[in-house]
Every structure is written in C-alpha cells, then in structure tokens.
Amino acid sequence: MKGNFSTQDVYLAAFIALQTNFNPKLEISGRRVLFTFPSSDDVYKACTTYNQGPFAEYAETVKVLRGKMYAKKEEMKGERTDTLKTQH
C-alpha cells in the first residue's frame, strides 16, 4: 500500500500508534496539525477497531466534557470580571 493516512483526531492517532507501534509524523495544514501514518492494513484495521468499539465513544465523551469544562471556566472569568466592575 502506498500513500499516507492522516487525521486531526489526537485520540484516533493515539489509538493507531498504540495498535501499530507506528509513530505519526506531525504536519501543519493551515491552523491544524495532522497526524500522518504510512498507509497499511494495520493502520486501517486500527481505524476500524477504534470506530467499532467503545473507543470512539469514549473520545467523543472526553471532547464534550472538555468543552463543558472550558465553558465553565469562561463563565467563571465573566463572573470575576463582573464582580471587579461592581467593586469599583
């Protein structure tokens, strides 16, 4: 197999790296970083396993919780700013 497989998903990249023992090449694409692996049956098998098992669901849950965490931090920043404005 020739070519490469690239993903922006750090969780998928980590899973592929664990399953295949391949270290991804990191490439810049615009403002994003791509994790690039050599195309192989092992890489595509790892992708299939990731997407069919609980791994993708776990990664998506982490992403949702991280988003909520950042939103809460921003909410707290806004409250602190409002408190400072009312104190002066």
PDB file of N, CA and C in Angstrom:
ATOM      1  N   MET A   1       0.834  -1.180   0.000  1.00  0.00           N
ATOM      2  CA  MET A   1       0.000   0.000   0.000  1.00  0.00           C
ATOM      3  C   MET A   1       0.877   1.242   0.000  1.00  0.00           C
ATOM      4  N   LYS A   2       0.572   2.163  -0.876  1.00  0.00           N
ATOM      5  CA  LYS A   2       1.332   3.409  -0.910  1.00  0.00           C
ATOM      6  C   LYS A   2       0.470   4.531  -0.366  1.00  0.00           C
ATOM      7  N   GLY A   3       1.126   5.603  -0.008  1.00  0.00           N
ATOM      8  CA  GLY A   3       0.396   6.762   0.475  1.00  0.00           C
ATOM      9  C   GLY A   3       0.404   6.841   1.984  1.00  0.00           C
ATOM     10  N   ASN A   4      -0.433   7.749   2.469  1.00  0.00           N
ATOM     11  CA  ASN A   4      -0.494   8.008   3.903  1.00  0.00           C
ATOM     12  C   ASN A   4      -1.932   8.081   4.367  1.00  0.00           C
ATOM     13  N   PHE A   5      -2.115   7.898   5.645  1.00  0.00           N
ATOM     14  CA  PHE A   5      -3.394   8.131   6.301  1.00  0.00           C
ATOM     15  C   PHE A   5      -3.173   9.258   7.296  1.00  0.00           C
ATOM     16  N   SER A   6      -3.989  10.310   7.215  1.00  0.00           N
ATOM     17  CA  SER A   6      -3.848  11.460   8.123  1.00  0.00           C
ATOM     18  C   SER A   6      -5.148  11.706   8.873  1.00  0.00           C
ATOM     19  N   THR A   7      -5.004  12.186  10.091  1.00  0.00           N
ATOM     20  CA  THR A   7      -6.158  12.548  10.904  1.00  0.00           C
ATOM     21  C   THR A   7      -5.797  13.728  11.785  1.00  0.00           C
ATOM     22  N   GLN A   8      -6.806  14.518  12.123  1.00  0.00           N
ATOM     23  CA  GLN A   8      -6.641  15.607  13.090  1.00  0.00           C
ATOM     24  C   GLN A   8      -6.994  15.140  14.498  1.00  0.00           C
ATOM     25  N   ASP A   9      -7.603  13.982  14.590  1.00  0.00           N
ATOM     26  CA  ASP A   9      -8.108  13.460  15.859  1.00  0.00           C
ATOM     27  C   ASP A   9      -6.976  12.845  16.677  1.00  0.00           C
ATOM     28  N   VAL A  10      -6.604  13.521  17.748  1.00  0.00           N
ATOM     29  CA  VAL A  10      -5.495  13.051  18.581  1.00  0.00           C
ATOM     30  C   VAL A  10      -5.815  11.704  19.228  1.00  0.00           C
ATOM     31  N   TYR A  11      -7.086  11.450  19.542  1.00  0.00           N
ATOM     32  CA  TYR A  11      -7.468  10.180  20.157  1.00  0.00           C
ATOM     33  C   TYR A  11      -7.313   9.032  19.161  1.00  0.00           C
ATOM     34  N   LEU A  12      -7.757   9.239  17.935  1.00  0.00           N
ATOM     35  CA  LEU A  12      -7.578   8.214  16.907  1.00  0.00           C
ATOM     36  C   LEU A  12      -6.095   7.994  16.640  1.00  0.00           C
ATOM     37  N   ALA A  13      -5.335   9.078  16.550  1.00  0.00           N
ATOM     38  CA  ALA A  13      -3.898   8.960  16.308  1.00  0.00           C
ATOM     39  C   ALA A  13      -3.215   8.170  17.428  1.00  0.00           C
ATOM     40  N   ALA A  14      -3.597   8.445  18.659  1.00  0.00           N
ATOM     41  CA  ALA A  14      -3.012   7.716  19.795  1.00  0.00           C
ATOM     42  C   ALA A  14      -3.375   6.233  19.725  1.00  0.00           C
ATOM     43  N   PHE A  15      -4.611   5.943  19.355  1.00  0.00           N
ATOM     44  CA  PHE A  15      -5.040   4.547  19.255  1.00  0.00           C
ATOM     45  C   PHE A  15      -4.266   3.824  18.158  1.00  0.00           C
ATOM     46  N   ILE A  16      -4.132   4.477  16.998  1.00  0.00           N
ATOM     47  CA  ILE A  16      -3.373   3.869  15.901  1.00  0.00           C
ATOM     48  C   ILE A  16      -1.924   3.614  16.340  1.00  0.00           C
ATOM     49  N   ALA A  17      -1.332   4.613  16.994  1.00  0.00           N
ATOM     50  CA  ALA A  17       0.055   4.469  17.443  1.00  0.00           C
ATOM     51  C   ALA A  17       0.204   3.291  18.410  1.00  0.00           C
ATOM     52  N   LEU A  18      -0.748   3.148  19.330  1.00  0.00           N
ATOM     53  CA  LEU A  18      -0.698   2.035  20.286  1.00  0.00           C
ATOM     54  C   LEU A  18      -0.878   0.685  19.599  1.00  0.00           C
ATOM     55  N   GLN A  19      -1.799   0.630  18.655  1.00  0.00           N
ATOM     56  CA  GLN A  19      -2.118  -0.632  17.993  1.00  0.00           C
ATOM     57  C   GLN A  19      -1.051  -1.069  16.997  1.00  0.00           C
ATOM     58  N   THR A  20      -0.373  -0.111  16.381  1.00  0.00           N
ATOM     59  CA  THR A  20       0.551  -0.446  15.294  1.00  0.00           C
ATOM     60  C   THR A  20       2.028  -0.261  15.644  1.00  0.00           C
ATOM     61  N   ASN A  21       2.298   0.442  16.728  1.00  0.00           N
ATOM     62  CA  ASN A  21       3.664   0.835  17.089  1.00  0.00           C
ATOM     63  C   ASN A  21       4.294   1.778  16.067  1.00  0.00           C
ATOM     64  N   PHE A  22       3.454   2.445  15.265  1.00  0.00           N
ATOM     65  CA  PHE A  22       3.936   3.467  14.337  1.00  0.00           C
ATOM     66  C   PHE A  22       3.856   4.816  15.023  1.00  0.00           C
ATOM     67  N   ASN A  23       4.895   5.605  14.923  1.00  0.00           N
ATOM     68  CA  ASN A  23       4.846   6.982  15.404  1.00  0.00           C
ATOM     69  C   ASN A  23       4.398   7.869  14.259  1.00  0.00           C
ATOM     70  N   PRO A  24       3.361   8.674  14.486  1.00  0.00           N
ATOM     71  CA  PRO A  24       2.887   9.520  13.397  1.00  0.00           C
ATOM     72  C   PRO A  24       3.846  10.671  13.125  1.00  0.00           C
ATOM     73  N   LYS A  25       3.851  11.089  11.890  1.00  0.00           N
ATOM     74  CA  LYS A  25       4.548  12.310  11.503  1.00  0.00           C
ATOM     75  C   LYS A  25       3.547  13.447  11.720  1.00  0.00           C
ATOM     76  N   LEU A  26       3.979  14.515  12.368  1.00  0.00           N
ATOM     77  CA  LEU A  26       3.098  15.657  12.585  1.00  0.00           C
ATOM     78  C   LEU A  26       3.330  16.676  11.475  1.00  0.00           C
ATOM     79  N   GLU A  27       2.242  17.079  10.843  1.00  0.00           N
ATOM     80  CA  GLU A  27       2.309  18.015   9.734  1.00  0.00           C
ATOM     81  C   GLU A  27       1.340  19.172   9.996  1.00  0.00           C
ATOM     82  N   ILE A  28       1.717  20.339   9.540  1.00  0.00           N
ATOM     83  CA  ILE A  28       0.862  21.515   9.659  1.00  0.00           C
ATOM     84  C   ILE A  28       0.010  21.620   8.400  1.00  0.00           C
ATOM     85  N   SER A  29      -1.280  21.841   8.598  1.00  0.00           N
ATOM     86  CA  SER A  29      -2.206  22.068   7.492  1.00  0.00           C
ATOM     87  C   SER A  29      -3.073  23.262   7.869  1.00  0.00           C
ATOM     88  N   GLY A  30      -2.696  24.430   7.377  1.00  0.00           N
ATOM     89  CA  GLY A  30      -3.397  25.642   7.794  1.00  0.00           C
ATOM     90  C   GLY A  30      -3.112  25.904   9.256  1.00  0.00           C
ATOM     91  N   ARG A  31      -4.161  25.946  10.057  1.00  0.00           N
ATOM     92  CA  ARG A  31      -4.012  26.164  11.502  1.00  0.00           C
ATOM     93  C   ARG A  31      -4.118  24.863  12.288  1.00  0.00           C
ATOM     94  N   ARG A  32      -4.156  23.763  11.591  1.00  0.00           N
ATOM     95  CA  ARG A  32      -4.332  22.453  12.215  1.00  0.00           C
ATOM     96  C   ARG A  32      -3.051  21.626  12.131  1.00  0.00           C
ATOM     97  N   VAL A  33      -2.955  20.665  13.030  1.00  0.00           N
ATOM     98  CA  VAL A  33      -1.866  19.688  12.983  1.00  0.00           C
ATOM     99  C   VAL A  33      -2.477  18.357  12.571  1.00  0.00           C
ATOM    100  N   LEU A  34      -1.859  17.731  11.590  1.00  0.00           N
ATOM    101  CA  LEU A  34      -2.287  16.412  11.146  1.00  0.00           C
ATOM    102  C   LEU A  34      -1.316  15.362  11.674  1.00  0.00           C
ATOM    103  N   PHE A  35      -1.861  14.244  12.104  1.00  0.00           N
ATOM    104  CA  PHE A  35      -1.077  13.082  12.489  1.00  0.00           C
ATOM    105  C   PHE A  35      -1.101  12.157  11.277  1.00  0.00           C
ATOM    106  N   THR A  36       0.067  11.900  10.704  1.00  0.00           N
ATOM    107  CA  THR A  36       0.135  11.149   9.459  1.00  0.00           C
ATOM    108  C   THR A  36       0.893   9.843   9.651  1.00  0.00           C
ATOM    109  N   PHE A  37       0.250   8.767   9.216  1.00  0.00           N
ATOM    110  CA  PHE A  37       0.817   7.422   9.296  1.00  0.00           C
ATOM    111  C   PHE A  37       0.991   6.876   7.887  1.00  0.00           C
ATOM    112  N   PRO A  38       1.955   5.990   7.703  1.00  0.00           N
ATOM    113  CA  PRO A  38       2.040   5.321   6.402  1.00  0.00           C
ATOM    114  C   PRO A  38       0.816   4.414   6.229  1.00  0.00           C
ATOM    115  N   SER A  39       0.248   4.425   5.044  1.00  0.00           N
ATOM    116  CA  SER A  39      -0.903   3.551   4.794  1.00  0.00           C
ATOM    117  C   SER A  39      -0.479   2.093   4.933  1.00  0.00           C
ATOM    118  N   SER A  40      -1.277   1.351   5.657  1.00  0.00           N
ATOM    119  CA  SER A  40      -1.020  -0.088   5.797  1.00  0.00           C
ATOM    120  C   SER A  40      -2.299  -0.753   6.262  1.00  0.00           C
ATOM    121  N   ASP A  41      -2.360  -2.056   6.084  1.00  0.00           N
ATOM    122  CA  ASP A  41      -3.513  -2.804   6.579  1.00  0.00           C
ATOM    123  C   ASP A  41      -3.663  -2.635   8.086  1.00  0.00           C
ATOM    124  N   ASP A  42      -2.531  -2.578   8.806  1.00  0.00           N
ATOM    125  CA  ASP A  42      -2.578  -2.421  10.262  1.00  0.00           C
ATOM    126  C   ASP A  42      -3.202  -1.087  10.666  1.00  0.00           C
ATOM    127  N   VAL A  43      -2.873  -0.031   9.947  1.00  0.00           N
ATOM    128  CA  VAL A  43      -3.443   1.290  10.256  1.00  0.00           C
ATOM    129  C   VAL A  43      -4.943   1.267  10.021  1.00  0.00           C
ATOM    130  N   TYR A  44      -5.383   0.718   8.896  1.00  0.00           N
ATOM    131  CA  TYR A  44      -6.814   0.685   8.599  1.00  0.00           C
ATOM    132  C   TYR A  44      -7.571  -0.256   9.528  1.00  0.00           C
ATOM    133  N   LYS A  45      -6.925  -1.333   9.941  1.00  0.00           N
ATOM    134  CA  LYS A  45      -7.541  -2.234  10.925  1.00  0.00           C
ATOM    135  C   LYS A  45      -7.717  -1.508  12.257  1.00  0.00           C
ATOM    136  N   ALA A  46      -6.708  -0.734  12.668  1.00  0.00           N
ATOM    137  CA  ALA A  46      -6.802   0.034  13.912  1.00  0.00           C
ATOM    138  C   ALA A  46      -7.946   1.056  13.821  1.00  0.00           C
ATOM    139  N   CYS A  47      -8.093   1.710  12.676  1.00  0.00           N
ATOM    140  CA  CYS A  47      -9.188   2.676  12.487  1.00  0.00           C
ATOM    141  C   CYS A  47     -10.546   1.992  12.641  1.00  0.00           C
ATOM    142  N   THR A  48     -10.682   0.835  12.034  1.00  0.00           N
ATOM    143  CA  THR A  48     -11.937   0.092  12.118  1.00  0.00           C
ATOM    144  C   THR A  48     -12.227  -0.318  13.557  1.00  0.00           C
ATOM    145  N   THR A  49     -11.224  -0.835  14.232  1.00  0.00           N
ATOM    146  CA  THR A  49     -11.392  -1.243  15.633  1.00  0.00           C
ATOM    147  C   THR A  49     -11.790  -0.049  16.488  1.00  0.00           C
ATOM    148  N   TYR A  50     -11.130   1.078  16.279  1.00  0.00           N
ATOM    149  CA  TYR A  50     -11.429   2.306  17.029  1.00  0.00           C
ATOM    150  C   TYR A  50     -12.882   2.716  16.831  1.00  0.00           C
ATOM    151  N   ASN A  51     -13.324   2.722  15.589  1.00  0.00           N
ATOM    152  CA  ASN A  51     -14.671   3.206  15.272  1.00  0.00           C
ATOM    153  C   ASN A  51     -15.770   2.229  15.641  1.00  0.00           C
ATOM    154  N   GLN A  52     -15.469   0.944  15.738  1.00  0.00           N
ATOM    155  CA  GLN A  52     -16.479  -0.053  16.065  1.00  0.00           C
ATOM    156  C   GLN A  52     -16.557  -0.367  17.559  1.00  0.00           C
ATOM    157  N   GLY A  53     -15.536  -0.007  18.285  1.00  0.00           N
ATOM    158  CA  GLY A  53     -15.520  -0.314  19.707  1.00  0.00           C
ATOM    159  C   GLY A  53     -15.952   0.879  20.534  1.00  0.00           C
ATOM    160  N   PRO A  54     -15.756   0.793  21.830  1.00  0.00           N
ATOM    161  CA  PRO A  54     -16.139   1.892  22.715  1.00  0.00           C
ATOM    162  C   PRO A  54     -15.154   3.061  22.682  1.00  0.00           C
ATOM    163  N   PHE A  55     -14.073   2.907  21.926  1.00  0.00           N
ATOM    164  CA  PHE A  55     -13.000   3.902  21.928  1.00  0.00           C
ATOM    165  C   PHE A  55     -13.459   5.244  21.387  1.00  0.00           C
ATOM    166  N   ALA A  56     -14.131   5.233  20.250  1.00  0.00           N
ATOM    167  CA  ALA A  56     -14.601   6.477  19.640  1.00  0.00           C
ATOM    168  C   ALA A  56     -15.626   7.157  20.547  1.00  0.00           C
ATOM    169  N   GLU A  57     -16.493   6.377  21.163  1.00  0.00           N
ATOM    170  CA  GLU A  57     -17.496   6.926  22.082  1.00  0.00           C
ATOM    171  C   GLU A  57     -16.811   7.559  23.299  1.00  0.00           C
ATOM    172  N   TYR A  58     -15.792   6.895  23.817  1.00  0.00           N
ATOM    173  CA  TYR A  58     -15.018   7.441  24.933  1.00  0.00           C
ATOM    174  C   TYR A  58     -14.392   8.775  24.542  1.00  0.00           C
ATOM    175  N   ALA A  59     -13.737   8.806  23.379  1.00  0.00           N
ATOM    176  CA  ALA A  59     -13.070  10.028  22.929  1.00  0.00           C
ATOM    177  C   ALA A  59     -14.084  11.156  22.757  1.00  0.00           C
ATOM    178  N   GLU A  60     -15.239  10.863  22.193  1.00  0.00           N
ATOM    179  CA  GLU A  60     -16.267  11.886  21.996  1.00  0.00           C
ATOM    180  C   GLU A  60     -16.766  12.417  23.340  1.00  0.00           C
ATOM    181  N   THR A  61     -16.920  11.530  24.319  1.00  0.00           N
ATOM    182  CA  THR A  61     -17.347  11.950  25.656  1.00  0.00           C
ATOM    183  C   THR A  61     -16.310  12.858  26.300  1.00  0.00           C
ATOM    184  N   VAL A  62     -15.032  12.537  26.145  1.00  0.00           N
ATOM    185  CA  VAL A  62     -13.966  13.385  26.671  1.00  0.00           C
ATOM    186  C   VAL A  62     -14.043  14.769  26.017  1.00  0.00           C
ATOM    187  N   LYS A  63     -14.251  14.805  24.712  1.00  0.00           N
ATOM    188  CA  LYS A  63     -14.325  16.083  23.997  1.00  0.00           C
ATOM    189  C   LYS A  63     -15.500  16.926  24.490  1.00  0.00           C
ATOM    190  N   VAL A  64     -16.646  16.302  24.711  1.00  0.00           N
ATOM    191  CA  VAL A  64     -17.820  17.017  25.205  1.00  0.00           C
ATOM    192  C   VAL A  64     -17.555  17.567  26.607  1.00  0.00           C
ATOM    193  N   LEU A  65     -16.997  16.730  27.475  1.00  0.00           N
ATOM    194  CA  LEU A  65     -16.708  17.169  28.844  1.00  0.00           C
ATOM    195  C   LEU A  65     -15.654  18.276  28.867  1.00  0.00           C
ATOM    196  N   ARG A  66     -14.663  18.190  27.988  1.00  0.00           N
ATOM    197  CA  ARG A  66     -13.647  19.240  27.909  1.00  0.00           C
ATOM    198  C   ARG A  66     -14.295  20.562  27.481  1.00  0.00           C
ATOM    199  N   GLY A  67     -15.194  20.491  26.518  1.00  0.00           N
ATOM    200  CA  GLY A  67     -15.903  21.691  26.074  1.00  0.00           C
ATOM    201  C   GLY A  67     -16.704  22.313  27.203  1.00  0.00           C
ATOM    202  N   LYS A  68     -17.382  21.486  27.983  1.00  0.00           N
ATOM    203  CA  LYS A  68     -18.142  21.985  29.126  1.00  0.00           C
ATOM    204  C   LYS A  68     -17.222  22.593  30.175  1.00  0.00           C
ATOM    205  N   MET A  69     -16.059  21.972  30.384  1.00  0.00           N
ATOM    206  CA  MET A  69     -15.090  22.479  31.350  1.00  0.00           C
ATOM    207  C   MET A  69     -14.605  23.869  30.933  1.00  0.00           C
ATOM    208  N   TYR A  70     -14.252  24.022  29.651  1.00  0.00           N
ATOM    209  CA  TYR A  70     -13.789  25.328  29.170  1.00  0.00           C
ATOM    210  C   TYR A  70     -14.896  26.371  29.238  1.00  0.00           C
ATOM    211  N   ALA A  71     -16.117  25.960  28.933  1.00  0.00           N
ATOM    212  CA  ALA A  71     -17.246  26.889  29.018  1.00  0.00           C
ATOM    213  C   ALA A  71     -17.448  27.353  30.463  1.00  0.00           C
ATOM    214  N   LYS A  72     -17.310  26.443  31.398  1.00  0.00           N
ATOM    215  CA  LYS A  72     -17.464  26.784  32.821  1.00  0.00           C
ATOM    216  C   LYS A  72     -16.359  27.749  33.257  1.00  0.00           C
ATOM    217  N   LYS A  73     -15.131  27.499  32.794  1.00  0.00           N
ATOM    218  CA  LYS A  73     -14.026  28.407  33.129  1.00  0.00           C
ATOM    219  C   LYS A  73     -14.294  29.796  32.577  1.00  0.00           C
ATOM    220  N   GLU A  74     -14.801  29.882  31.359  1.00  0.00           N
ATOM    221  CA  GLU A  74     -15.119  31.189  30.762  1.00  0.00           C
ATOM    222  C   GLU A  74     -16.240  31.867  31.543  1.00  0.00           C
ATOM    223  N   GLU A  75     -17.208  31.082  31.963  1.00  0.00           N
ATOM    224  CA  GLU A  75     -18.313  31.608  32.770  1.00  0.00           C
ATOM    225  C   GLU A  75     -17.774  32.192  34.076  1.00  0.00           C
ATOM    226  N   MET A  76     -16.834  31.484  34.702  1.00  0.00           N
ATOM    227  CA  MET A  76     -16.245  31.953  35.952  1.00  0.00           C
ATOM    228  C   MET A  76     -15.435  33.219  35.720  1.00  0.00           C
ATOM    229  N   LYS A  77     -14.716  33.302  34.591  1.00  0.00           N
ATOM    230  CA  LYS A  77     -13.968  34.522  34.268  1.00  0.00           C
ATOM    231  C   LYS A  77     -14.909  35.707  34.163  1.00  0.00           C
ATOM    232  N   GLY A  78     -16.038  35.497  33.497  1.00  0.00           N
ATOM    233  CA  GLY A  78     -17.022  36.562  33.340  1.00  0.00           C
ATOM    234  C   GLY A  78     -17.585  37.010  34.670  1.00  0.00           C
ATOM    235  N   GLU A  79     -17.822  36.079  35.571  1.00  0.00           N
ATOM    236  CA  GLU A  79     -18.333  36.421  36.900  1.00  0.00           C
ATOM    237  C   GLU A  79     -17.308  37.233  37.681  1.00  0.00           C
ATOM    238  N   ARG A  80     -16.020  36.863  37.568  1.00  0.00           N
ATOM    239  CA  ARG A  80     -14.977  37.607  38.265  1.00  0.00           C
ATOM    240  C   ARG A  80     -14.866  39.017  37.705  1.00  0.00           C
ATOM    241  N   THR A  81     -14.973  39.141  36.395  1.00  0.00           N
ATOM    242  CA  THR A  81     -14.894  40.462  35.769  1.00  0.00           C
ATOM    243  C   THR A  81     -16.052  41.323  36.209  1.00  0.00           C
ATOM    244  N   ASP A  82     -17.269  40.733  36.259  1.00  0.00           N
ATOM    245  CA  ASP A  82     -18.453  41.471  36.711  1.00  0.00           C
ATOM    246  C   ASP A  82     -18.298  41.908  38.167  1.00  0.00           C
ATOM    247  N   THR A  83     -17.729  41.040  39.004  1.00  0.00           N
ATOM    248  CA  THR A  83     -17.530  41.357  40.410  1.00  0.00           C
ATOM    249  C   THR A  83     -16.547  42.510  40.562  1.00  0.00           C
ATOM    250  N   LEU A  84     -15.475  42.486  39.793  1.00  0.00           N
ATOM    251  CA  LEU A  84     -14.488  43.552  39.853  1.00  0.00           C
ATOM    252  C   LEU A  84     -15.088  44.890  39.419  1.00  0.00           C
ATOM    253  N   LYS A  85     -15.942  44.863  38.406  1.00  0.00           N
ATOM    254  CA  LYS A  85     -16.566  46.100  37.909  1.00  0.00           C
ATOM    255  C   LYS A  85     -17.493  46.699  38.962  1.00  0.00           C
ATOM    256  N   THR A  86     -18.208  45.848  39.703  1.00  0.00           N
ATOM    257  CA  THR A  86     -19.152  46.356  40.694  1.00  0.00           C
ATOM    258  C   THR A  86     -18.461  46.830  41.965  1.00  0.00           C
ATOM    259  N   GLN A  87     -17.221  46.398  42.164  1.00  0.00           N
ATOM    260  CA  GLN A  87     -16.480  46.813  43.363  1.00  0.00           C
ATOM    261  C   GLN A  87     -15.891  48.194  43.214  1.00  0.00           C
ATOM    262  N   HIS A  88     -15.727  48.669  41.989  1.00  0.00           N
ATOM    263  CA  HIS A  88     -15.080  49.982  41.786  1.00  0.00           C
ATOM    264  C   HIS A  88     -16.086  51.079  41.704  1.00  0.00           C
TER     265      HIS A  88
END
